[in-house]
Amino acid sequence: MATNQTNKKSQKNKLIKMGRLLRSPQYKEYMDQISRCEETRRFCRHDRNHCWETARTAYILYLTGEVPCGELESFSPEAAKEMIYAAAFLHDIGRFKEYADEALDHSVEGAVLARPLLFEAGFSDAESRLILKAIAHHRKKDGAGFDLLLYRADKESRPCYDCPVLAECKKFSPEKQPVITV
């Protein structure tokens, strides 16, 4: 009986939909396109490590209540966690489009690209709507709830305090230096 309870608990903690998403050939192709575009980039990259750090930071901000997300409260804790991780892993997938055409906004393009990936991974319409909205708005610091959670996690997950090209970064100046948060 203890083995059965252990199996149930381990199943409960698995991110099943996220596994499908990360194994998606289309998701992998989008991430590979971003990698090719950023091969010579000296500043922060938008790779899988950034996705992991954004996801973990977002989940910490959510669990601690530092960023209230009332819209996630109607979902189970497991569903909310998968939604947070999915938004984090998909928030920059439109980057390669913005690199090809600077007039495009990668957050809006990313939301368009993410829609079929979420469907294929098994996210419900209600889950997908919130995830897509957060992706589309993740560059706006005046957001609230899930949108603000993703915005803050995206910014706060970066180790800017240790960046070798910090002096050249457009985000900071001698008067405005990065602070460690979370």
N, C-alpha and C. Protein backbone atom coordinates (compact mmCIF):
# COMPACT_ATOMS: atom_id res chain seq x y z
N MET A 1 0.82 -1.20 0.00
CA MET A 1 0.00 0.00 0.00
C MET A 1 0.86 1.26 0.00
N ALA A 2 1.97 1.26 0.70
CA ALA A 2 2.84 2.43 0.71
C ALA A 2 3.37 2.72 -0.68
N THR A 3 3.65 1.68 -1.46
CA THR A 3 4.14 1.88 -2.82
C THR A 3 3.08 2.55 -3.67
N ASN A 4 1.82 2.16 -3.51
CA ASN A 4 0.73 2.75 -4.26
C ASN A 4 0.60 4.24 -3.93
N GLN A 5 0.73 4.61 -2.65
CA GLN A 5 0.66 6.02 -2.26
C GLN A 5 1.85 6.80 -2.82
N THR A 6 3.01 6.19 -2.82
CA THR A 6 4.20 6.84 -3.39
C THR A 6 4.01 7.09 -4.87
N ASN A 7 3.47 6.11 -5.59
CA ASN A 7 3.21 6.28 -7.03
C ASN A 7 2.23 7.40 -7.28
N LYS A 8 1.16 7.49 -6.47
CA LYS A 8 0.18 8.56 -6.63
C LYS A 8 0.83 9.91 -6.39
N LYS A 9 1.66 10.00 -5.35
CA LYS A 9 2.30 11.27 -5.04
C LYS A 9 3.27 11.67 -6.15
N SER A 10 4.06 10.73 -6.67
CA SER A 10 5.01 11.07 -7.73
C SER A 10 4.27 11.47 -9.00
N GLN A 11 3.12 10.85 -9.29
CA GLN A 11 2.32 11.23 -10.44
C GLN A 11 1.77 12.65 -10.26
N LYS A 12 1.40 12.99 -9.04
CA LYS A 12 0.82 14.30 -8.75
C LYS A 12 1.81 15.42 -9.02
N ASN A 13 3.09 15.18 -8.79
CA ASN A 13 4.11 16.20 -8.96
C ASN A 13 4.66 16.29 -10.38
N LYS A 14 4.26 15.39 -11.25
CA LYS A 14 4.77 15.42 -12.62
C LYS A 14 4.01 16.45 -13.44
N LEU A 15 4.76 17.12 -14.28
CA LEU A 15 4.17 18.11 -15.18
C LEU A 15 3.96 17.43 -16.54
N ILE A 16 2.86 16.71 -16.65
CA ILE A 16 2.58 15.88 -17.83
C ILE A 16 2.47 16.74 -19.09
N LYS A 17 1.68 17.79 -19.04
CA LYS A 17 1.50 18.65 -20.22
C LYS A 17 2.81 19.34 -20.59
N MET A 18 3.58 19.73 -19.59
CA MET A 18 4.88 20.36 -19.87
C MET A 18 5.81 19.37 -20.56
N GLY A 19 5.76 18.13 -20.17
CA GLY A 19 6.58 17.11 -20.85
C GLY A 19 6.23 17.03 -22.32
N ARG A 20 4.93 17.06 -22.62
CA ARG A 20 4.50 17.03 -24.02
C ARG A 20 4.99 18.27 -24.76
N LEU A 21 4.87 19.41 -24.10
CA LEU A 21 5.29 20.67 -24.71
C LEU A 21 6.78 20.66 -25.02
N LEU A 22 7.60 20.26 -24.06
CA LEU A 22 9.05 20.28 -24.24
C LEU A 22 9.53 19.25 -25.27
N ARG A 23 8.76 18.20 -25.48
CA ARG A 23 9.11 17.19 -26.49
C ARG A 23 8.58 17.54 -27.87
N SER A 24 7.79 18.59 -27.97
CA SER A 24 7.20 18.97 -29.25
C SER A 24 8.28 19.35 -30.27
N PRO A 25 8.26 18.72 -31.44
CA PRO A 25 9.24 19.10 -32.48
C PRO A 25 9.14 20.58 -32.85
N GLN A 26 7.93 21.12 -32.86
CA GLN A 26 7.77 22.53 -33.23
C GLN A 26 8.37 23.45 -32.17
N TYR A 27 8.16 23.13 -30.89
CA TYR A 27 8.77 23.92 -29.82
C TYR A 27 10.29 23.88 -29.94
N LYS A 28 10.83 22.69 -30.15
CA LYS A 28 12.28 22.54 -30.30
C LYS A 28 12.79 23.37 -31.47
N GLU A 29 12.05 23.37 -32.57
CA GLU A 29 12.47 24.14 -33.74
C GLU A 29 12.47 25.64 -33.44
N TYR A 30 11.44 26.13 -32.76
CA TYR A 30 11.42 27.55 -32.40
C TYR A 30 12.63 27.91 -31.53
N MET A 31 12.92 27.08 -30.54
CA MET A 31 14.06 27.35 -29.66
C MET A 31 15.38 27.28 -30.43
N ASP A 32 15.48 26.36 -31.37
CA ASP A 32 16.68 26.26 -32.20
C ASP A 32 16.84 27.50 -33.08
N GLN A 33 15.73 28.01 -33.61
CA GLN A 33 15.80 29.23 -34.43
C GLN A 33 16.29 30.41 -33.59
N ILE A 34 15.81 30.50 -32.36
CA ILE A 34 16.28 31.57 -31.47
C ILE A 34 17.78 31.41 -31.21
N SER A 35 18.22 30.19 -30.95
CA SER A 35 19.64 29.93 -30.71
C SER A 35 20.50 30.37 -31.89
N ARG A 36 20.03 30.07 -33.10
CA ARG A 36 20.79 30.47 -34.29
C ARG A 36 20.86 31.99 -34.40
N CYS A 37 19.76 32.66 -34.09
CA CYS A 37 19.73 34.13 -34.15
C CYS A 37 20.64 34.76 -33.09
N GLU A 38 20.85 34.07 -31.99
CA GLU A 38 21.60 34.64 -30.87
C GLU A 38 23.02 34.08 -30.74
N GLU A 39 23.50 33.38 -31.76
CA GLU A 39 24.83 32.77 -31.68
C GLU A 39 25.93 33.75 -31.30
N THR A 40 25.86 34.96 -31.80
CA THR A 40 26.91 35.95 -31.51
C THR A 40 26.43 37.03 -30.54
N ARG A 41 25.28 36.86 -29.96
CA ARG A 41 24.74 37.85 -29.02
C ARG A 41 25.58 37.91 -27.76
N ARG A 42 25.98 39.10 -27.35
CA ARG A 42 26.80 39.28 -26.16
C ARG A 42 25.95 39.43 -24.90
N PHE A 43 24.73 39.82 -25.08
CA PHE A 43 23.85 40.07 -23.94
C PHE A 43 23.05 38.82 -23.59
N CYS A 44 22.11 38.95 -22.70
CA CYS A 44 21.28 37.82 -22.27
C CYS A 44 20.70 37.08 -23.47
N ARG A 45 20.67 35.78 -23.33
CA ARG A 45 20.08 34.96 -24.38
C ARG A 45 18.72 34.46 -23.91
N HIS A 46 17.96 34.03 -24.88
CA HIS A 46 16.59 33.58 -24.62
C HIS A 46 16.51 32.07 -24.88
N ASP A 47 17.34 31.36 -24.16
CA ASP A 47 17.49 29.92 -24.35
C ASP A 47 16.70 29.13 -23.31
N ARG A 48 16.89 27.83 -23.33
CA ARG A 48 16.17 26.96 -22.40
C ARG A 48 16.54 27.24 -20.94
N ASN A 49 17.79 27.61 -20.70
CA ASN A 49 18.17 27.97 -19.32
C ASN A 49 17.37 29.16 -18.82
N HIS A 50 17.19 30.15 -19.70
CA HIS A 50 16.38 31.30 -19.32
C HIS A 50 14.94 30.88 -19.04
N CYS A 51 14.43 29.96 -19.83
CA CYS A 51 13.06 29.46 -19.59
C CYS A 51 12.96 28.79 -18.22
N TRP A 52 13.94 27.92 -17.91
CA TRP A 52 13.93 27.24 -16.60
C TRP A 52 13.99 28.26 -15.46
N GLU A 53 14.88 29.21 -15.56
CA GLU A 53 15.03 30.20 -14.49
C GLU A 53 13.77 31.06 -14.36
N THR A 54 13.18 31.41 -15.48
CA THR A 54 11.93 32.19 -15.44
C THR A 54 10.82 31.36 -14.80
N ALA A 55 10.72 30.10 -15.15
CA ALA A 55 9.68 29.23 -14.58
C ALA A 55 9.85 29.09 -13.07
N ARG A 56 11.06 28.81 -12.64
CA ARG A 56 11.30 28.64 -11.19
C ARG A 56 11.04 29.92 -10.43
N THR A 57 11.49 31.04 -10.99
CA THR A 57 11.27 32.33 -10.33
C THR A 57 9.78 32.64 -10.25
N ALA A 58 9.07 32.40 -11.35
CA ALA A 58 7.62 32.65 -11.36
C ALA A 58 6.91 31.80 -10.32
N TYR A 59 7.30 30.54 -10.23
CA TYR A 59 6.64 29.65 -9.27
C TYR A 59 6.91 30.07 -7.83
N ILE A 60 8.12 30.53 -7.57
CA ILE A 60 8.45 31.04 -6.22
C ILE A 60 7.61 32.28 -5.91
N LEU A 61 7.54 33.21 -6.86
CA LEU A 61 6.75 34.42 -6.66
C LEU A 61 5.28 34.09 -6.41
N TYR A 62 4.79 33.06 -7.11
CA TYR A 62 3.41 32.63 -6.93
C TYR A 62 3.20 31.97 -5.57
N LEU A 63 4.06 31.03 -5.22
CA LEU A 63 3.90 30.31 -3.95
C LEU A 63 4.03 31.21 -2.74
N THR A 64 4.92 32.19 -2.82
CA THR A 64 5.10 33.11 -1.69
C THR A 64 4.01 34.17 -1.62
N GLY A 65 3.22 34.28 -2.67
CA GLY A 65 2.16 35.28 -2.70
C GLY A 65 2.68 36.67 -2.99
N GLU A 66 3.94 36.78 -3.36
CA GLU A 66 4.50 38.10 -3.66
C GLU A 66 3.80 38.75 -4.85
N VAL A 67 3.37 37.94 -5.79
CA VAL A 67 2.57 38.43 -6.91
C VAL A 67 1.24 37.68 -6.87
N PRO A 68 0.20 38.31 -6.35
CA PRO A 68 -1.10 37.64 -6.28
C PRO A 68 -1.65 37.34 -7.68
N CYS A 69 -2.12 36.14 -7.86
CA CYS A 69 -2.67 35.70 -9.15
C CYS A 69 -4.04 35.09 -8.94
N GLY A 70 -5.01 35.92 -8.66
CA GLY A 70 -6.36 35.45 -8.41
C GLY A 70 -6.91 34.59 -9.52
N GLU A 71 -6.52 34.89 -10.77
CA GLU A 71 -7.06 34.13 -11.90
C GLU A 71 -6.58 32.68 -11.91
N LEU A 72 -5.50 32.38 -11.20
CA LEU A 72 -5.03 31.00 -11.12
C LEU A 72 -5.69 30.21 -9.99
N GLU A 73 -6.36 30.89 -9.11
CA GLU A 73 -6.97 30.23 -7.94
C GLU A 73 -8.12 29.30 -8.31
N SER A 74 -8.72 29.50 -9.48
CA SER A 74 -9.83 28.62 -9.88
C SER A 74 -9.33 27.28 -10.44
N PHE A 75 -8.01 27.14 -10.55
CA PHE A 75 -7.42 25.90 -11.05
C PHE A 75 -6.80 25.13 -9.89
N SER A 76 -6.62 23.84 -10.07
CA SER A 76 -5.96 23.03 -9.04
C SER A 76 -4.51 23.52 -8.90
N PRO A 77 -3.88 23.25 -7.76
CA PRO A 77 -2.46 23.63 -7.61
C PRO A 77 -1.58 23.03 -8.70
N GLU A 78 -1.86 21.80 -9.11
CA GLU A 78 -1.06 21.16 -10.15
C GLU A 78 -1.26 21.87 -11.48
N ALA A 79 -2.51 22.22 -11.81
CA ALA A 79 -2.78 22.92 -13.07
C ALA A 79 -2.14 24.30 -13.07
N ALA A 80 -2.23 25.01 -11.94
CA ALA A 80 -1.61 26.34 -11.86
C ALA A 80 -0.10 26.24 -12.07
N LYS A 81 0.53 25.23 -11.49
CA LYS A 81 1.97 25.05 -11.66
C LYS A 81 2.30 24.81 -13.13
N GLU A 82 1.55 23.94 -13.79
CA GLU A 82 1.80 23.67 -15.20
C GLU A 82 1.58 24.92 -16.05
N MET A 83 0.59 25.71 -15.71
CA MET A 83 0.32 26.95 -16.45
C MET A 83 1.49 27.93 -16.30
N ILE A 84 2.00 28.04 -15.09
CA ILE A 84 3.13 28.94 -14.83
C ILE A 84 4.35 28.48 -15.62
N TYR A 85 4.64 27.19 -15.56
CA TYR A 85 5.80 26.66 -16.29
C TYR A 85 5.61 26.80 -17.80
N ALA A 86 4.41 26.55 -18.30
CA ALA A 86 4.17 26.67 -19.74
C ALA A 86 4.36 28.11 -20.20
N ALA A 87 3.83 29.05 -19.46
CA ALA A 87 3.99 30.47 -19.82
C ALA A 87 5.47 30.85 -19.84
N ALA A 88 6.21 30.37 -18.86
CA ALA A 88 7.64 30.69 -18.79
C ALA A 88 8.42 30.08 -19.95
N PHE A 89 8.09 28.86 -20.32
CA PHE A 89 8.81 28.20 -21.39
C PHE A 89 8.42 28.70 -22.78
N LEU A 90 7.26 29.35 -22.87
CA LEU A 90 6.79 29.83 -24.17
C LEU A 90 6.92 31.34 -24.34
N HIS A 91 7.25 32.07 -23.29
CA HIS A 91 7.15 33.53 -23.36
C HIS A 91 8.06 34.19 -24.39
N ASP A 92 9.16 33.57 -24.75
CA ASP A 92 10.08 34.19 -25.72
C ASP A 92 10.14 33.47 -27.06
N ILE A 93 9.24 32.54 -27.34
CA ILE A 93 9.37 31.77 -28.59
C ILE A 93 9.18 32.61 -29.85
N GLY A 94 8.64 33.79 -29.73
CA GLY A 94 8.51 34.68 -30.88
C GLY A 94 9.75 35.50 -31.16
N ARG A 95 10.80 35.32 -30.39
CA ARG A 95 12.04 36.09 -30.53
C ARG A 95 12.62 36.03 -31.94
N PHE A 96 12.64 34.84 -32.53
CA PHE A 96 13.26 34.72 -33.86
C PHE A 96 12.51 35.56 -34.89
N LYS A 97 11.21 35.74 -34.70
CA LYS A 97 10.44 36.58 -35.62
C LYS A 97 10.82 38.05 -35.47
N GLU A 98 11.03 38.46 -34.21
CA GLU A 98 11.43 39.85 -33.96
C GLU A 98 12.84 40.11 -34.50
N TYR A 99 13.71 39.12 -34.41
CA TYR A 99 15.05 39.28 -34.99
C TYR A 99 14.97 39.45 -36.51
N ALA A 100 14.04 38.76 -37.15
CA ALA A 100 13.88 38.86 -38.61
C ALA A 100 13.21 40.17 -39.02
N ASP A 101 12.34 40.70 -38.16
CA ASP A 101 11.61 41.93 -38.46
C ASP A 101 11.44 42.72 -37.16
N GLU A 102 12.25 43.75 -36.98
CA GLU A 102 12.24 44.51 -35.73
C GLU A 102 10.93 45.23 -35.46
N ALA A 103 10.07 45.34 -36.47
CA ALA A 103 8.77 45.97 -36.27
C ALA A 103 7.81 45.06 -35.50
N LEU A 104 8.15 43.78 -35.42
CA LEU A 104 7.30 42.82 -34.71
C LEU A 104 7.62 42.82 -33.22
N ASP A 105 6.63 42.50 -32.43
CA ASP A 105 6.79 42.36 -30.97
C ASP A 105 6.82 40.86 -30.66
N HIS A 106 7.94 40.38 -30.12
CA HIS A 106 8.08 38.94 -29.89
C HIS A 106 7.04 38.41 -28.92
N SER A 107 6.54 39.23 -28.02
CA SER A 107 5.54 38.73 -27.07
C SER A 107 4.21 38.43 -27.78
N VAL A 108 3.81 39.30 -28.67
CA VAL A 108 2.57 39.07 -29.43
C VAL A 108 2.76 37.90 -30.40
N GLU A 109 3.89 37.89 -31.11
CA GLU A 109 4.18 36.79 -32.03
C GLU A 109 4.27 35.46 -31.27
N GLY A 110 4.86 35.49 -30.09
CA GLY A 110 4.98 34.28 -29.28
C GLY A 110 3.63 33.72 -28.88
N ALA A 111 2.69 34.60 -28.55
CA ALA A 111 1.35 34.12 -28.18
C ALA A 111 0.69 33.40 -29.36
N VAL A 112 0.90 33.91 -30.57
CA VAL A 112 0.34 33.26 -31.77
C VAL A 112 0.98 31.88 -31.96
N LEU A 113 2.31 31.82 -31.82
CA LEU A 113 3.01 30.54 -32.00
C LEU A 113 2.66 29.53 -30.90
N ALA A 114 2.38 30.03 -29.70
CA ALA A 114 2.13 29.16 -28.56
C ALA A 114 0.77 28.47 -28.61
N ARG A 115 -0.20 29.09 -29.23
CA ARG A 115 -1.57 28.54 -29.23
C ARG A 115 -1.63 27.07 -29.64
N PRO A 116 -1.12 26.69 -30.82
CA PRO A 116 -1.21 25.27 -31.19
C PRO A 116 -0.36 24.36 -30.29
N LEU A 117 0.73 24.87 -29.78
CA LEU A 117 1.57 24.06 -28.89
C LEU A 117 0.82 23.72 -27.60
N LEU A 118 0.09 24.69 -27.06
CA LEU A 118 -0.69 24.45 -25.85
C LEU A 118 -1.80 23.44 -26.11
N PHE A 119 -2.47 23.58 -27.25
CA PHE A 119 -3.53 22.65 -27.61
C PHE A 119 -2.97 21.23 -27.72
N GLU A 120 -1.85 21.08 -28.43
CA GLU A 120 -1.25 19.76 -28.61
C GLU A 120 -0.77 19.16 -27.29
N ALA A 121 -0.36 20.00 -26.36
CA ALA A 121 0.12 19.52 -25.06
C ALA A 121 -1.02 19.12 -24.13
N GLY A 122 -2.24 19.54 -24.46
CA GLY A 122 -3.41 19.14 -23.67
C GLY A 122 -3.93 20.19 -22.70
N PHE A 123 -3.49 21.43 -22.83
CA PHE A 123 -4.03 22.49 -21.97
C PHE A 123 -5.46 22.81 -22.41
N SER A 124 -6.32 23.08 -21.43
CA SER A 124 -7.72 23.40 -21.73
C SER A 124 -7.81 24.79 -22.35
N ASP A 125 -8.98 25.12 -22.88
CA ASP A 125 -9.19 26.47 -23.44
C ASP A 125 -9.00 27.53 -22.37
N ALA A 126 -9.53 27.28 -21.18
CA ALA A 126 -9.41 28.27 -20.09
C ALA A 126 -7.95 28.46 -19.67
N GLU A 127 -7.22 27.35 -19.56
CA GLU A 127 -5.79 27.44 -19.22
C GLU A 127 -5.03 28.17 -20.31
N SER A 128 -5.29 27.80 -21.55
CA SER A 128 -4.59 28.40 -22.69
C SER A 128 -4.84 29.89 -22.79
N ARG A 129 -6.08 30.33 -22.58
CA ARG A 129 -6.39 31.76 -22.65
C ARG A 129 -5.52 32.57 -21.69
N LEU A 130 -5.39 32.10 -20.46
CA LEU A 130 -4.58 32.82 -19.47
C LEU A 130 -3.10 32.78 -19.80
N ILE A 131 -2.63 31.63 -20.24
CA ILE A 131 -1.22 31.50 -20.61
C ILE A 131 -0.91 32.43 -21.79
N LEU A 132 -1.74 32.42 -22.82
CA LEU A 132 -1.51 33.24 -24.00
C LEU A 132 -1.56 34.73 -23.67
N LYS A 133 -2.46 35.12 -22.80
CA LYS A 133 -2.54 36.52 -22.38
C LYS A 133 -1.27 36.92 -21.64
N ALA A 134 -0.78 36.06 -20.76
CA ALA A 134 0.45 36.37 -20.01
C ALA A 134 1.64 36.47 -20.97
N ILE A 135 1.72 35.60 -21.95
CA ILE A 135 2.81 35.65 -22.92
C ILE A 135 2.74 36.96 -23.70
N ALA A 136 1.56 37.30 -24.18
CA ALA A 136 1.39 38.52 -24.98
C ALA A 136 1.69 39.79 -24.20
N HIS A 137 1.53 39.74 -22.88
CA HIS A 137 1.74 40.94 -22.05
C HIS A 137 2.99 40.88 -21.18
N HIS A 138 3.86 39.93 -21.39
CA HIS A 138 4.98 39.75 -20.46
C HIS A 138 6.03 40.86 -20.50
N ARG A 139 5.92 41.79 -21.42
CA ARG A 139 6.85 42.91 -21.47
C ARG A 139 6.29 44.16 -20.80
N LYS A 140 5.09 44.08 -20.29
CA LYS A 140 4.42 45.25 -19.71
C LYS A 140 4.49 45.22 -18.19
N LYS A 141 5.24 46.15 -17.62
CA LYS A 141 5.43 46.15 -16.17
C LYS A 141 4.21 46.66 -15.41
N ASP A 142 3.24 47.22 -16.09
CA ASP A 142 2.06 47.73 -15.41
C ASP A 142 0.92 46.72 -15.38
N GLY A 143 1.21 45.47 -15.67
CA GLY A 143 0.20 44.43 -15.65
C GLY A 143 -0.16 44.01 -14.23
N ALA A 144 -1.02 43.04 -14.13
CA ALA A 144 -1.44 42.52 -12.83
C ALA A 144 -1.60 41.01 -12.94
N GLY A 145 -1.65 40.34 -11.80
CA GLY A 145 -1.91 38.92 -11.76
C GLY A 145 -0.88 38.11 -12.52
N PHE A 146 -1.36 37.17 -13.31
CA PHE A 146 -0.50 36.25 -14.05
C PHE A 146 0.43 37.01 -15.01
N ASP A 147 -0.08 38.07 -15.64
CA ASP A 147 0.74 38.87 -16.55
C ASP A 147 1.94 39.46 -15.79
N LEU A 148 1.69 40.03 -14.63
CA LEU A 148 2.75 40.63 -13.82
C LEU A 148 3.70 39.56 -13.30
N LEU A 149 3.17 38.41 -12.95
CA LEU A 149 3.99 37.31 -12.48
C LEU A 149 5.04 36.94 -13.53
N LEU A 150 4.60 36.80 -14.78
CA LEU A 150 5.53 36.44 -15.85
C LEU A 150 6.50 37.58 -16.13
N TYR A 151 6.02 38.82 -16.12
CA TYR A 151 6.90 39.97 -16.32
C TYR A 151 8.01 39.98 -15.28
N ARG A 152 7.63 39.89 -14.02
CA ARG A 152 8.62 39.95 -12.94
C ARG A 152 9.59 38.78 -12.99
N ALA A 153 9.07 37.59 -13.24
CA ALA A 153 9.94 36.41 -13.30
C ALA A 153 10.94 36.53 -14.44
N ASP A 154 10.49 37.04 -15.56
CA ASP A 154 11.36 37.23 -16.72
C ASP A 154 12.51 38.17 -16.36
N LYS A 155 12.21 39.25 -15.68
CA LYS A 155 13.24 40.23 -15.31
C LYS A 155 14.10 39.74 -14.15
N GLU A 156 13.48 39.19 -13.13
CA GLU A 156 14.19 38.85 -11.90
C GLU A 156 14.99 37.56 -12.00
N SER A 157 14.75 36.79 -13.03
CA SER A 157 15.49 35.53 -13.18
C SER A 157 16.87 35.74 -13.78
N ARG A 158 17.12 36.90 -14.31
CA ARG A 158 18.41 37.19 -14.96
C ARG A 158 19.48 37.51 -13.92
N PRO A 159 20.67 36.92 -14.05
CA PRO A 159 21.77 37.23 -13.11
C PRO A 159 22.53 38.48 -13.55
N CYS A 160 21.84 39.59 -13.72
CA CYS A 160 22.44 40.82 -14.23
C CYS A 160 23.59 41.32 -13.35
N TYR A 161 23.51 41.07 -12.05
CA TYR A 161 24.55 41.53 -11.13
C TYR A 161 25.92 40.95 -11.47
N ASP A 162 25.95 39.87 -12.25
CA ASP A 162 27.19 39.18 -12.56
C ASP A 162 27.50 39.20 -14.06
N CYS A 163 26.90 40.11 -14.79
CA CYS A 163 27.01 40.15 -16.24
C CYS A 163 28.31 40.84 -16.68
N PRO A 164 29.06 40.20 -17.57
CA PRO A 164 30.31 40.81 -18.02
C PRO A 164 30.13 42.02 -18.95
N VAL A 165 28.93 42.19 -19.52
CA VAL A 165 28.69 43.34 -20.40
C VAL A 165 27.65 44.29 -19.81
N LEU A 166 27.53 44.29 -18.50
CA LEU A 166 26.54 45.13 -17.82
C LEU A 166 26.67 46.61 -18.20
N ALA A 167 27.89 47.11 -18.31
CA ALA A 167 28.11 48.52 -18.61
C ALA A 167 27.54 48.91 -19.98
N GLU A 168 27.34 47.93 -20.86
CA GLU A 168 26.82 48.20 -22.20
C GLU A 168 25.33 47.91 -22.32
N CYS A 169 24.73 47.37 -21.30
CA CYS A 169 23.33 46.96 -21.36
C CYS A 169 22.40 48.17 -21.36
N LYS A 170 21.41 48.15 -22.25
CA LYS A 170 20.47 49.27 -22.34
C LYS A 170 19.50 49.32 -21.16
N LYS A 171 19.41 48.24 -20.39
CA LYS A 171 18.50 48.22 -19.24
C LYS A 171 19.03 49.00 -18.04
N PHE A 172 20.37 49.16 -17.99
CA PHE A 172 20.97 49.75 -16.80
C PHE A 172 21.88 50.91 -17.15
N SER A 173 22.12 51.74 -16.17
CA SER A 173 23.03 52.88 -16.28
C SER A 173 23.81 52.94 -14.98
N PRO A 174 24.82 53.82 -14.90
CA PRO A 174 25.55 53.93 -13.62
C PRO A 174 24.63 54.28 -12.45
N GLU A 175 23.55 55.01 -12.73
CA GLU A 175 22.61 55.39 -11.66
C GLU A 175 21.63 54.27 -11.32
N LYS A 176 21.37 53.42 -12.29
CA LYS A 176 20.40 52.34 -12.09
C LYS A 176 21.11 51.00 -12.28
N GLN A 177 21.44 50.36 -11.20
CA GLN A 177 22.14 49.09 -11.24
C GLN A 177 21.20 47.95 -10.82
N PRO A 178 21.50 46.73 -11.26
CA PRO A 178 20.62 45.61 -10.91
C PRO A 178 20.65 45.32 -9.41
N VAL A 179 19.51 44.87 -8.93
CA VAL A 179 19.42 44.45 -7.53
C VAL A 179 19.03 42.98 -7.51
N ILE A 180 19.40 42.32 -6.46
CA ILE A 180 19.04 40.92 -6.31
C ILE A 180 17.68 40.86 -5.64
N THR A 181 16.76 40.12 -6.25
CA THR A 181 15.40 39.99 -5.73
C THR A 181 15.07 38.52 -5.54
N VAL A 182 13.88 38.27 -5.02
CA VAL A 182 13.32 36.95 -4.76
C VAL A 182 14.06 36.27 -3.68
